[in-house]
Amino acid sequence: MTKTNKIVLTGPESTGKSTLTKQLAKCFSAPYVSEIAREYILNLNRAYTYKDVVKIAELQLEIENKIMNSDHAYVFFDTDLIITKIWLMHCFGKRPDWLDDAIKNTAADIHLLCYYDLIWEPDPLRENPDIRPQLYEKYKSEIICFGLDYEVVKGVGEERFDNARKIFLNYFSTK
């Protein structure tokens, strides 16, 4: 069985993570994992709670453990536990004690940190159009704090995808 490389698209809301995840997975004939929080929260029919976000983290771990034990060379993830941690701290001021260890134990090979240079697109689940720069810095700081590899993805439209594709190719050509 070959090592499965984990590539995470991360960043603030409305920065193209979902689109890039699908585009990169298609380009490199690899599976991808959609944002778990989106489907979970859409099915709640009420405001989410701390327990809901912790449940989202648990579901993320389940899916990651399943797919990372597969025979794929690469798997692309639309967000990971770092986003969940920042969201828990932002919304509730706390996180479960086990979360930092889970982040360390499921670390991505590389995070593609999406910059907030795209126009905000309203969505029923998006909450923070005005604090994208602050959230971006929190994600970046957290990735650095864990000592993880990352590259920043900028650009609009095809340029953004091309930049992400080049980062991916450069990163894995040196491995």
C-alpha atoms as a PDB file:
ATOM      1  CA  MET A   1       0.000   0.000   0.000  1.00  0.00           C
ATOM      2  CA  THR A   2       1.351   3.427  -0.957  1.00  0.00           C
ATOM      3  CA  LYS A   3       1.392   6.425   1.355  1.00  0.00           C
ATOM      4  CA  THR A   4      -1.633   8.625   0.866  1.00  0.00           C
ATOM      5  CA  ASN A   5      -0.712  12.311   0.738  1.00  0.00           C
ATOM      6  CA  LYS A   6      -3.166  14.679   2.387  1.00  0.00           C
ATOM      7  CA  ILE A   7      -3.721  18.067   0.766  1.00  0.00           C
ATOM      8  CA  VAL A   8      -5.967  20.485   2.655  1.00  0.00           C
ATOM      9  CA  LEU A   9      -7.592  23.596   1.208  1.00  0.00           C
ATOM     10  CA  THR A  10      -8.081  26.010   4.054  1.00  0.00           C
ATOM     11  CA  GLY A  11      -8.840  29.672   4.630  1.00  0.00           C
ATOM     12  CA  PRO A  12     -11.676  32.042   5.458  1.00  0.00           C
ATOM     13  CA  GLU A  13     -15.181  31.786   4.070  1.00  0.00           C
ATOM     14  CA  SER A  14     -15.737  32.557   0.400  1.00  0.00           C
ATOM     15  CA  THR A  15     -12.131  32.056  -0.705  1.00  0.00           C
ATOM     16  CA  GLY A  16     -12.719  29.264  -3.200  1.00  0.00           C
ATOM     17  CA  LYS A  17     -11.814  26.243  -1.078  1.00  0.00           C
ATOM     18  CA  SER A  18     -14.632  23.994  -2.298  1.00  0.00           C
ATOM     19  CA  THR A  19     -14.118  24.901  -5.944  1.00  0.00           C
ATOM     20  CA  LEU A  20     -10.355  24.389  -5.776  1.00  0.00           C
ATOM     21  CA  THR A  21     -10.711  21.102  -3.919  1.00  0.00           C
ATOM     22  CA  LYS A  22     -12.873  19.672  -6.693  1.00  0.00           C
ATOM     23  CA  GLN A  23     -10.746  21.148  -9.494  1.00  0.00           C
ATOM     24  CA  LEU A  24      -7.486  19.796  -8.080  1.00  0.00           C
ATOM     25  CA  ALA A  25      -8.962  16.366  -7.389  1.00  0.00           C
ATOM     26  CA  LYS A  26     -10.208  16.177 -10.965  1.00  0.00           C
ATOM     27  CA  CYS A  27      -6.919  17.449 -12.403  1.00  0.00           C
ATOM     28  CA  PHE A  28      -4.893  14.838 -10.499  1.00  0.00           C
ATOM     29  CA  SER A  29      -7.457  12.001 -10.689  1.00  0.00           C
ATOM     30  CA  ALA A  30      -7.729  11.855  -6.928  1.00  0.00           C
ATOM     31  CA  PRO A  31     -10.609  11.636  -4.475  1.00  0.00           C
ATOM     32  CA  TYR A  32     -11.690  14.583  -2.392  1.00  0.00           C
ATOM     33  CA  VAL A  33     -13.578  15.107   0.853  1.00  0.00           C
ATOM     34  CA  SER A  34     -16.171  17.869   0.858  1.00  0.00           C
ATOM     35  CA  GLU A  35     -16.593  20.258   3.760  1.00  0.00           C
ATOM     36  CA  ILE A  36     -18.230  18.189   6.478  1.00  0.00           C
ATOM     37  CA  ALA A  37     -19.663  21.157   8.375  1.00  0.00           C
ATOM     38  CA  ARG A  38     -21.756  22.353   5.434  1.00  0.00           C
ATOM     39  CA  GLU A  39     -23.873  19.220   5.057  1.00  0.00           C
ATOM     40  CA  TYR A  40     -24.147  18.720   8.807  1.00  0.00           C
ATOM     41  CA  ILE A  41     -25.341  22.270   9.505  1.00  0.00           C
ATOM     42  CA  LEU A  42     -27.705  22.328   6.515  1.00  0.00           C
ATOM     43  CA  ASN A  43     -29.494  19.319   8.019  1.00  0.00           C
ATOM     44  CA  LEU A  44     -29.857  20.797  11.519  1.00  0.00           C
ATOM     45  CA  ASN A  45     -32.886  23.046  10.951  1.00  0.00           C
ATOM     46  CA  ARG A  46     -31.725  25.130  13.949  1.00  0.00           C
ATOM     47  CA  ALA A  47     -28.735  27.183  15.040  1.00  0.00           C
ATOM     48  CA  TYR A  48     -25.619  25.107  15.619  1.00  0.00           C
ATOM     49  CA  THR A  49     -24.179  24.646  19.103  1.00  0.00           C
ATOM     50  CA  TYR A  50     -20.777  23.890  20.597  1.00  0.00           C
ATOM     51  CA  LYS A  51     -21.720  20.194  20.694  1.00  0.00           C
ATOM     52  CA  ASP A  52     -22.604  20.302  16.993  1.00  0.00           C
ATOM     53  CA  VAL A  53     -19.200  21.709  16.047  1.00  0.00           C
ATOM     54  CA  VAL A  54     -17.464  19.078  18.208  1.00  0.00           C
ATOM     55  CA  LYS A  55     -19.545  16.427  16.411  1.00  0.00           C
ATOM     56  CA  ILE A  56     -18.370  17.885  13.083  1.00  0.00           C
ATOM     57  CA  ALA A  57     -14.760  17.458  14.271  1.00  0.00           C
ATOM     58  CA  GLU A  58     -15.481  13.835  15.212  1.00  0.00           C
ATOM     59  CA  LEU A  59     -17.035  13.173  11.791  1.00  0.00           C
ATOM     60  CA  GLN A  60     -14.009  14.784  10.128  1.00  0.00           C
ATOM     61  CA  LEU A  61     -11.739  12.370  11.999  1.00  0.00           C
ATOM     62  CA  GLU A  62     -13.858   9.362  11.007  1.00  0.00           C
ATOM     63  CA  ILE A  63     -13.802  10.266   7.333  1.00  0.00           C
ATOM     64  CA  GLU A  64     -10.092  11.105   7.378  1.00  0.00           C
ATOM     65  CA  ASN A  65      -9.184   7.812   9.040  1.00  0.00           C
ATOM     66  CA  LYS A  66     -11.222   5.887   6.500  1.00  0.00           C
ATOM     67  CA  ILE A  67      -9.928   7.578   3.346  1.00  0.00           C
ATOM     68  CA  MET A  68      -6.324   7.987   4.498  1.00  0.00           C
ATOM     69  CA  ASN A  69      -6.135   4.210   4.947  1.00  0.00           C
ATOM     70  CA  SER A  70      -6.988   3.708   1.301  1.00  0.00           C
ATOM     71  CA  ASP A  71      -4.732   3.098  -1.660  1.00  0.00           C
ATOM     72  CA  HIS A  72      -4.801   6.608  -3.131  1.00  0.00           C
ATOM     73  CA  ALA A  73      -1.642   8.585  -3.780  1.00  0.00           C
ATOM     74  CA  TYR A  74      -3.389  11.883  -2.965  1.00  0.00           C
ATOM     75  CA  VAL A  75      -6.582  12.989  -1.256  1.00  0.00           C
ATOM     76  CA  PHE A  76      -7.813  16.579  -1.298  1.00  0.00           C
ATOM     77  CA  PHE A  77      -9.744  17.928   1.697  1.00  0.00           C
ATOM     78  CA  ASP A  78     -12.051  20.927   1.730  1.00  0.00           C
ATOM     79  CA  THR A  79     -11.015  22.129   5.215  1.00  0.00           C
ATOM     80  CA  ASP A  80      -9.723  20.169   8.204  1.00  0.00           C
ATOM     81  CA  LEU A  81      -9.648  20.241  11.999  1.00  0.00           C
ATOM     82  CA  ILE A  82      -7.694  23.512  12.125  1.00  0.00           C
ATOM     83  CA  ILE A  83     -10.692  25.362  10.712  1.00  0.00           C
ATOM     84  CA  THR A  84     -12.916  23.584  13.230  1.00  0.00           C
ATOM     85  CA  LYS A  85     -10.611  24.601  16.082  1.00  0.00           C
ATOM     86  CA  ILE A  86     -10.566  28.257  15.024  1.00  0.00           C
ATOM     87  CA  TRP A  87     -14.344  28.209  14.596  1.00  0.00           C
ATOM     88  CA  LEU A  88     -14.868  26.727  18.064  1.00  0.00           C
ATOM     89  CA  MET A  89     -12.622  29.382  19.602  1.00  0.00           C
ATOM     90  CA  HIS A  90     -14.229  32.195  17.593  1.00  0.00           C
ATOM     91  CA  CYS A  91     -17.834  31.223  18.328  1.00  0.00           C
ATOM     92  CA  PHE A  92     -17.605  29.605  21.767  1.00  0.00           C
ATOM     93  CA  GLY A  93     -14.242  30.586  23.252  1.00  0.00           C
ATOM     94  CA  LYS A  94     -13.308  26.954  23.931  1.00  0.00           C
ATOM     95  CA  ARG A  95     -12.403  23.670  22.273  1.00  0.00           C
ATOM     96  CA  PRO A  96     -12.221  20.045  23.399  1.00  0.00           C
ATOM     97  CA  ASP A  97      -8.947  18.999  25.039  1.00  0.00           C
ATOM     98  CA  TRP A  98      -8.341  16.246  22.470  1.00  0.00           C
ATOM     99  CA  LEU A  99      -8.479  18.537  19.427  1.00  0.00           C
ATOM    100  CA  ASP A 100      -4.819  19.634  19.325  1.00  0.00           C
ATOM    101  CA  ASP A 101      -3.610  16.016  19.494  1.00  0.00           C
ATOM    102  CA  ALA A 102      -6.047  15.084  16.732  1.00  0.00           C
ATOM    103  CA  ILE A 103      -4.670  17.899  14.556  1.00  0.00           C
ATOM    104  CA  LYS A 104      -1.105  16.658  15.146  1.00  0.00           C
ATOM    105  CA  ASN A 105      -2.065  13.040  14.440  1.00  0.00           C
ATOM    106  CA  THR A 106      -3.904  13.831  11.195  1.00  0.00           C
ATOM    107  CA  ALA A 107      -1.565  16.521   9.882  1.00  0.00           C
ATOM    108  CA  ALA A 108      -1.738  17.335   6.187  1.00  0.00           C
ATOM    109  CA  ASP A 109       1.286  17.020   3.962  1.00  0.00           C
ATOM    110  CA  ILE A 110       0.500  20.555   2.811  1.00  0.00           C
ATOM    111  CA  HIS A 111      -2.151  23.190   3.423  1.00  0.00           C
ATOM    112  CA  LEU A 112      -3.129  25.372   0.508  1.00  0.00           C
ATOM    113  CA  LEU A 113      -4.129  28.508   2.385  1.00  0.00           C
ATOM    114  CA  CYS A 114      -6.644  30.435   0.295  1.00  0.00           C
ATOM    115  CA  TYR A 115      -6.197  34.186   0.445  1.00  0.00           C
ATOM    116  CA  TYR A 116      -9.246  36.445   0.804  1.00  0.00           C
ATOM    117  CA  ASP A 117      -8.734  38.192  -2.547  1.00  0.00           C
ATOM    118  CA  LEU A 118     -12.004  36.850  -3.979  1.00  0.00           C
ATOM    119  CA  ILE A 119     -15.219  38.850  -3.797  1.00  0.00           C
ATOM    120  CA  TRP A 120     -17.435  37.756  -0.911  1.00  0.00           C
ATOM    121  CA  GLU A 121     -20.311  35.628  -2.150  1.00  0.00           C
ATOM    122  CA  PRO A 122     -23.322  35.451   0.177  1.00  0.00           C
ATOM    123  CA  ASP A 123     -24.376  31.991   1.274  1.00  0.00           C
ATOM    124  CA  PRO A 124     -26.867  30.962   3.989  1.00  0.00           C
ATOM    125  CA  LEU A 125     -24.042  29.354   6.009  1.00  0.00           C
ATOM    126  CA  ARG A 126     -21.485  32.141   5.711  1.00  0.00           C
ATOM    127  CA  GLU A 127     -21.348  34.466   8.688  1.00  0.00           C
ATOM    128  CA  ASN A 128     -18.305  36.723   8.594  1.00  0.00           C
ATOM    129  CA  PRO A 129     -17.719  38.839   5.495  1.00  0.00           C
ATOM    130  CA  ASP A 130     -15.974  41.559   7.484  1.00  0.00           C
ATOM    131  CA  ILE A 131     -13.409  39.495   9.398  1.00  0.00           C
ATOM    132  CA  ARG A 132     -11.879  37.400   6.625  1.00  0.00           C
ATOM    133  CA  PRO A 133      -8.443  39.045   7.091  1.00  0.00           C
ATOM    134  CA  GLN A 134      -8.466  38.247  10.815  1.00  0.00           C
ATOM    135  CA  LEU A 135      -9.602  34.659  10.218  1.00  0.00           C
ATOM    136  CA  TYR A 136      -6.950  34.235   7.523  1.00  0.00           C
ATOM    137  CA  GLU A 137      -4.261  35.295  10.014  1.00  0.00           C
ATOM    138  CA  LYS A 138      -5.634  32.899  12.631  1.00  0.00           C
ATOM    139  CA  TYR A 139      -5.528  29.965  10.202  1.00  0.00           C
ATOM    140  CA  LYS A 140      -2.021  30.890   9.097  1.00  0.00           C
ATOM    141  CA  SER A 141      -0.839  31.278  12.683  1.00  0.00           C
ATOM    142  CA  GLU A 142      -2.308  27.925  13.679  1.00  0.00           C
ATOM    143  CA  ILE A 143      -0.686  26.128  10.729  1.00  0.00           C
ATOM    144  CA  ILE A 144       2.662  27.691  11.644  1.00  0.00           C
ATOM    145  CA  CYS A 145       2.190  26.880  15.330  1.00  0.00           C
ATOM    146  CA  PHE A 146       1.765  23.189  14.454  1.00  0.00           C
ATOM    147  CA  GLY A 147       4.855  23.340  12.225  1.00  0.00           C
ATOM    148  CA  LEU A 148       2.932  22.326   9.101  1.00  0.00           C
ATOM    149  CA  ASP A 149       3.806  23.032   5.493  1.00  0.00           C
ATOM    150  CA  TYR A 150       1.653  25.548   3.666  1.00  0.00           C
ATOM    151  CA  GLU A 151       1.552  27.782   0.633  1.00  0.00           C
ATOM    152  CA  VAL A 152      -0.753  30.728  -0.023  1.00  0.00           C
ATOM    153  CA  VAL A 153      -3.085  30.535  -3.025  1.00  0.00           C
ATOM    154  CA  LYS A 154      -4.048  33.826  -4.664  1.00  0.00           C
ATOM    155  CA  GLY A 155      -5.648  34.853  -7.925  1.00  0.00           C
ATOM    156  CA  VAL A 156      -9.087  34.954  -9.493  1.00  0.00           C
ATOM    157  CA  GLY A 157     -10.739  32.322 -11.657  1.00  0.00           C
ATOM    158  CA  GLU A 158      -8.450  30.153 -13.770  1.00  0.00           C
ATOM    159  CA  GLU A 159      -5.402  31.980 -12.402  1.00  0.00           C
ATOM    160  CA  ARG A 160      -6.273  30.807  -8.867  1.00  0.00           C
ATOM    161  CA  PHE A 161      -6.598  27.200  -9.989  1.00  0.00           C
ATOM    162  CA  ASP A 162      -3.369  27.427 -11.983  1.00  0.00           C
ATOM    163  CA  ASN A 163      -1.533  28.844  -8.962  1.00  0.00           C
ATOM    164  CA  ALA A 164      -2.854  26.036  -6.730  1.00  0.00           C
ATOM    165  CA  ARG A 165      -1.924  23.414  -9.337  1.00  0.00           C
ATOM    166  CA  LYS A 166       1.629  24.807  -9.601  1.00  0.00           C
ATOM    167  CA  ILE A 167       2.023  24.806  -5.812  1.00  0.00           C
ATOM    168  CA  PHE A 168       0.890  21.182  -5.705  1.00  0.00           C
ATOM    169  CA  LEU A 169       3.249  20.129  -8.499  1.00  0.00           C
ATOM    170  CA  ASN A 170       6.223  21.992  -7.011  1.00  0.00           C
ATOM    171  CA  TYR A 171       5.615  20.607  -3.529  1.00  0.00           C
ATOM    172  CA  PHE A 172       5.333  16.979  -4.568  1.00  0.00           C
ATOM    173  CA  SER A 173       8.130  17.131  -7.157  1.00  0.00           C
ATOM    174  CA  THR A 174      10.571  17.776  -4.306  1.00  0.00           C
ATOM    175  CA  LYS A 175       9.276  14.918  -2.129  1.00  0.00           C
END
